[in-house]
Amino acid sequence: YPTALEFAGGGAHRCRVEPFGVAVSRGGTAGQTLVRTPSYPAAPYRLFVGDLPRGVTASLRPDAGRGGGVSHLIIESTPDAPPGSYSIAVLYRETEEGGATASAVCQLNLMIR
């Protein structure tokens, strides 16, 4: 199985979540690493987490800034979150040198037990 899944977006930047899959017990917390590779060194960026299952929250730190590096993705589950397997997308939006924005998507698989 792959350790990360990347989708090419409109820009030359990309991201990946490591590890690709995570299991969280209901009422628990897990941390993932999101690796950002910008199209140019000081590119401004914003990160957004896609739809989450009921009872699950996610936060990214940092969720905005400049350049490449690592953001930490924290996933928290309430005790009543429905068990199952979910695909979660993170949108990595970058402002390119000409001022246009481009997005890349990275994904992780979340298992709620």
C-alpha atoms as a PDB file:
ATOM      1  CA  TYR A   1       0.000   0.000   0.000  1.00  0.00           C
ATOM      2  CA  PRO A   2       1.211   3.540  -0.657  1.00  0.00           C
ATOM      3  CA  THR A   3       2.375   5.626   2.291  1.00  0.00           C
ATOM      4  CA  ALA A   4       0.993   8.823   0.755  1.00  0.00           C
ATOM      5  CA  LEU A   5      -1.407   9.781  -1.996  1.00  0.00           C
ATOM      6  CA  GLU A   6      -0.900  12.976  -3.978  1.00  0.00           C
ATOM      7  CA  PHE A   7      -3.163  14.599  -6.570  1.00  0.00           C
ATOM      8  CA  ALA A   8      -1.741  17.051  -9.067  1.00  0.00           C
ATOM      9  CA  GLY A   9      -3.486  20.403  -8.795  1.00  0.00           C
ATOM     10  CA  GLY A  10      -3.354  23.481 -10.991  1.00  0.00           C
ATOM     11  CA  GLY A  11       0.032  24.612  -9.665  1.00  0.00           C
ATOM     12  CA  ALA A  12       3.492  23.159  -9.276  1.00  0.00           C
ATOM     13  CA  HIS A  13       3.061  22.755  -5.515  1.00  0.00           C
ATOM     14  CA  ARG A  14       2.063  19.517  -3.792  1.00  0.00           C
ATOM     15  CA  CYS A  15       1.380  18.015  -0.386  1.00  0.00           C
ATOM     16  CA  ARG A  16       1.208  14.644   1.308  1.00  0.00           C
ATOM     17  CA  VAL A  17      -0.004  13.337   4.651  1.00  0.00           C
ATOM     18  CA  GLU A  18       2.252  10.924   6.532  1.00  0.00           C
ATOM     19  CA  PRO A  19       1.348   8.296   7.380  1.00  0.00           C
ATOM     20  CA  PHE A  20      -1.409   7.914   4.792  1.00  0.00           C
ATOM     21  CA  GLY A  21      -3.751   6.055   7.174  1.00  0.00           C
ATOM     22  CA  VAL A  22      -4.602   6.615  10.821  1.00  0.00           C
ATOM     23  CA  ALA A  23      -6.833   4.823  13.315  1.00  0.00           C
ATOM     24  CA  VAL A  24      -8.550   6.745  16.113  1.00  0.00           C
ATOM     25  CA  SER A  25     -10.587   5.233  18.913  1.00  0.00           C
ATOM     26  CA  ARG A  26     -13.897   6.947  19.612  1.00  0.00           C
ATOM     27  CA  GLY A  27     -13.121   9.689  22.115  1.00  0.00           C
ATOM     28  CA  GLY A  28      -9.457   9.693  21.065  1.00  0.00           C
ATOM     29  CA  THR A  29      -6.956  11.916  19.308  1.00  0.00           C
ATOM     30  CA  ALA A  30      -4.364  11.280  16.598  1.00  0.00           C
ATOM     31  CA  GLY A  31      -1.684  13.397  14.982  1.00  0.00           C
ATOM     32  CA  GLN A  32      -0.513  13.318  11.384  1.00  0.00           C
ATOM     33  CA  THR A  33       2.173  15.206   9.491  1.00  0.00           C
ATOM     34  CA  LEU A  34       1.311  17.178   6.360  1.00  0.00           C
ATOM     35  CA  VAL A  35       4.350  17.922   4.187  1.00  0.00           C
ATOM     36  CA  ARG A  36       4.069  21.010   1.949  1.00  0.00           C
ATOM     37  CA  THR A  37       6.204  21.437  -1.181  1.00  0.00           C
ATOM     38  CA  PRO A  38       5.673  24.929  -2.664  1.00  0.00           C
ATOM     39  CA  SER A  39       6.106  25.996  -6.264  1.00  0.00           C
ATOM     40  CA  TYR A  40       8.584  28.679  -5.121  1.00  0.00           C
ATOM     41  CA  PRO A  41      10.339  29.151  -1.750  1.00  0.00           C
ATOM     42  CA  ALA A  42       8.282  31.994  -0.205  1.00  0.00           C
ATOM     43  CA  ALA A  43       4.888  31.077  -1.666  1.00  0.00           C
ATOM     44  CA  PRO A  44       1.981  32.151   0.579  1.00  0.00           C
ATOM     45  CA  TYR A  45      -0.379  29.279   1.407  1.00  0.00           C
ATOM     46  CA  ARG A  46      -3.588  28.350   3.226  1.00  0.00           C
ATOM     47  CA  LEU A  47      -4.686  24.859   4.268  1.00  0.00           C
ATOM     48  CA  PHE A  48      -8.283  23.680   4.572  1.00  0.00           C
ATOM     49  CA  VAL A  49      -9.665  20.351   5.832  1.00  0.00           C
ATOM     50  CA  GLY A  50     -12.544  18.878   3.836  1.00  0.00           C
ATOM     51  CA  ASP A  51     -15.747  17.315   5.138  1.00  0.00           C
ATOM     52  CA  LEU A  52     -15.416  15.227   8.272  1.00  0.00           C
ATOM     53  CA  PRO A  53     -17.705  12.567   9.719  1.00  0.00           C
ATOM     54  CA  ARG A  54     -20.058  13.523  12.548  1.00  0.00           C
ATOM     55  CA  GLY A  55     -18.198  13.748  15.852  1.00  0.00           C
ATOM     56  CA  VAL A  56     -14.768  14.312  14.277  1.00  0.00           C
ATOM     57  CA  THR A  57     -12.831  17.581  14.242  1.00  0.00           C
ATOM     58  CA  ALA A  58      -9.483  18.379  12.657  1.00  0.00           C
ATOM     59  CA  SER A  59      -7.082  21.284  12.961  1.00  0.00           C
ATOM     60  CA  LEU A  60      -3.880  22.187  11.136  1.00  0.00           C
ATOM     61  CA  ARG A  61      -0.970  24.048  12.718  1.00  0.00           C
ATOM     62  CA  PRO A  62       0.140  26.140  11.007  1.00  0.00           C
ATOM     63  CA  ASP A  63      -2.754  26.459   8.565  1.00  0.00           C
ATOM     64  CA  ALA A  64      -1.332  29.500   6.755  1.00  0.00           C
ATOM     65  CA  GLY A  65       2.049  31.026   6.086  1.00  0.00           C
ATOM     66  CA  ARG A  66       4.806  31.056   3.483  1.00  0.00           C
ATOM     67  CA  GLY A  67       6.966  28.397   1.908  1.00  0.00           C
ATOM     68  CA  GLY A  68       7.305  24.686   2.366  1.00  0.00           C
ATOM     69  CA  GLY A  69       7.688  22.596   5.441  1.00  0.00           C
ATOM     70  CA  VAL A  70       5.482  20.650   7.783  1.00  0.00           C
ATOM     71  CA  SER A  71       2.059  21.290   9.296  1.00  0.00           C
ATOM     72  CA  HIS A  72       0.630  19.161  12.072  1.00  0.00           C
ATOM     73  CA  LEU A  73      -2.837  17.718  11.555  1.00  0.00           C
ATOM     74  CA  ILE A  74      -4.646  16.904  14.797  1.00  0.00           C
ATOM     75  CA  ILE A  75      -7.738  14.692  14.544  1.00  0.00           C
ATOM     76  CA  GLU A  76     -10.109  14.405  17.491  1.00  0.00           C
ATOM     77  CA  SER A  77     -13.070  12.066  17.811  1.00  0.00           C
ATOM     78  CA  THR A  78     -15.968  12.290  20.241  1.00  0.00           C
ATOM     79  CA  PRO A  79     -17.208   9.122  21.983  1.00  0.00           C
ATOM     80  CA  ASP A  80     -20.303   9.089  19.757  1.00  0.00           C
ATOM     81  CA  ALA A  81     -18.455   9.370  16.404  1.00  0.00           C
ATOM     82  CA  PRO A  82     -19.691   6.614  14.086  1.00  0.00           C
ATOM     83  CA  PRO A  83     -17.124   3.841  13.589  1.00  0.00           C
ATOM     84  CA  GLY A  84     -15.959   3.270  10.034  1.00  0.00           C
ATOM     85  CA  SER A  85     -13.422   4.146   7.385  1.00  0.00           C
ATOM     86  CA  TYR A  86     -13.365   7.655   5.902  1.00  0.00           C
ATOM     87  CA  SER A  87     -11.376   9.443   3.224  1.00  0.00           C
ATOM     88  CA  ILE A  88     -10.359  12.943   4.356  1.00  0.00           C
ATOM     89  CA  ALA A  89      -9.059  15.602   1.964  1.00  0.00           C
ATOM     90  CA  VAL A  90      -6.826  18.556   2.779  1.00  0.00           C
ATOM     91  CA  LEU A  91      -6.755  21.452   0.323  1.00  0.00           C
ATOM     92  CA  TYR A  92      -3.381  23.203  -0.053  1.00  0.00           C
ATOM     93  CA  ARG A  93      -4.057  26.581  -1.697  1.00  0.00           C
ATOM     94  CA  GLU A  94      -1.042  28.580  -2.832  1.00  0.00           C
ATOM     95  CA  THR A  95      -0.731  32.108  -4.210  1.00  0.00           C
ATOM     96  CA  GLU A  96       1.665  31.873  -7.118  1.00  0.00           C
ATOM     97  CA  GLU A  97       4.194  34.509  -8.171  1.00  0.00           C
ATOM     98  CA  GLY A  98       1.792  36.095 -10.683  1.00  0.00           C
ATOM     99  CA  GLY A  99      -0.904  36.463  -8.012  1.00  0.00           C
ATOM    100  CA  ALA A 100      -3.144  33.604  -9.169  1.00  0.00           C
ATOM    101  CA  THR A 101      -4.156  30.916  -6.702  1.00  0.00           C
ATOM    102  CA  ALA A 102      -3.787  27.218  -7.357  1.00  0.00           C
ATOM    103  CA  SER A 103      -4.833  24.257  -5.244  1.00  0.00           C
ATOM    104  CA  ALA A 104      -3.478  20.801  -4.582  1.00  0.00           C
ATOM    105  CA  VAL A 105      -5.267  18.099  -2.605  1.00  0.00           C
ATOM    106  CA  CYS A 106      -3.737  15.538  -0.300  1.00  0.00           C
ATOM    107  CA  GLN A 107      -5.705  12.734   1.258  1.00  0.00           C
ATOM    108  CA  LEU A 108      -5.616  10.494   4.290  1.00  0.00           C
ATOM    109  CA  ASN A 109      -7.653   7.491   5.304  1.00  0.00           C
ATOM    110  CA  LEU A 110      -9.228   7.734   8.736  1.00  0.00           C
ATOM    111  CA  MET A 111     -10.489   4.701  10.641  1.00  0.00           C
ATOM    112  CA  ILE A 112     -12.741   5.380  13.610  1.00  0.00           C
ATOM    113  CA  ARG A 113     -12.920   2.371  15.956  1.00  0.00           C
END
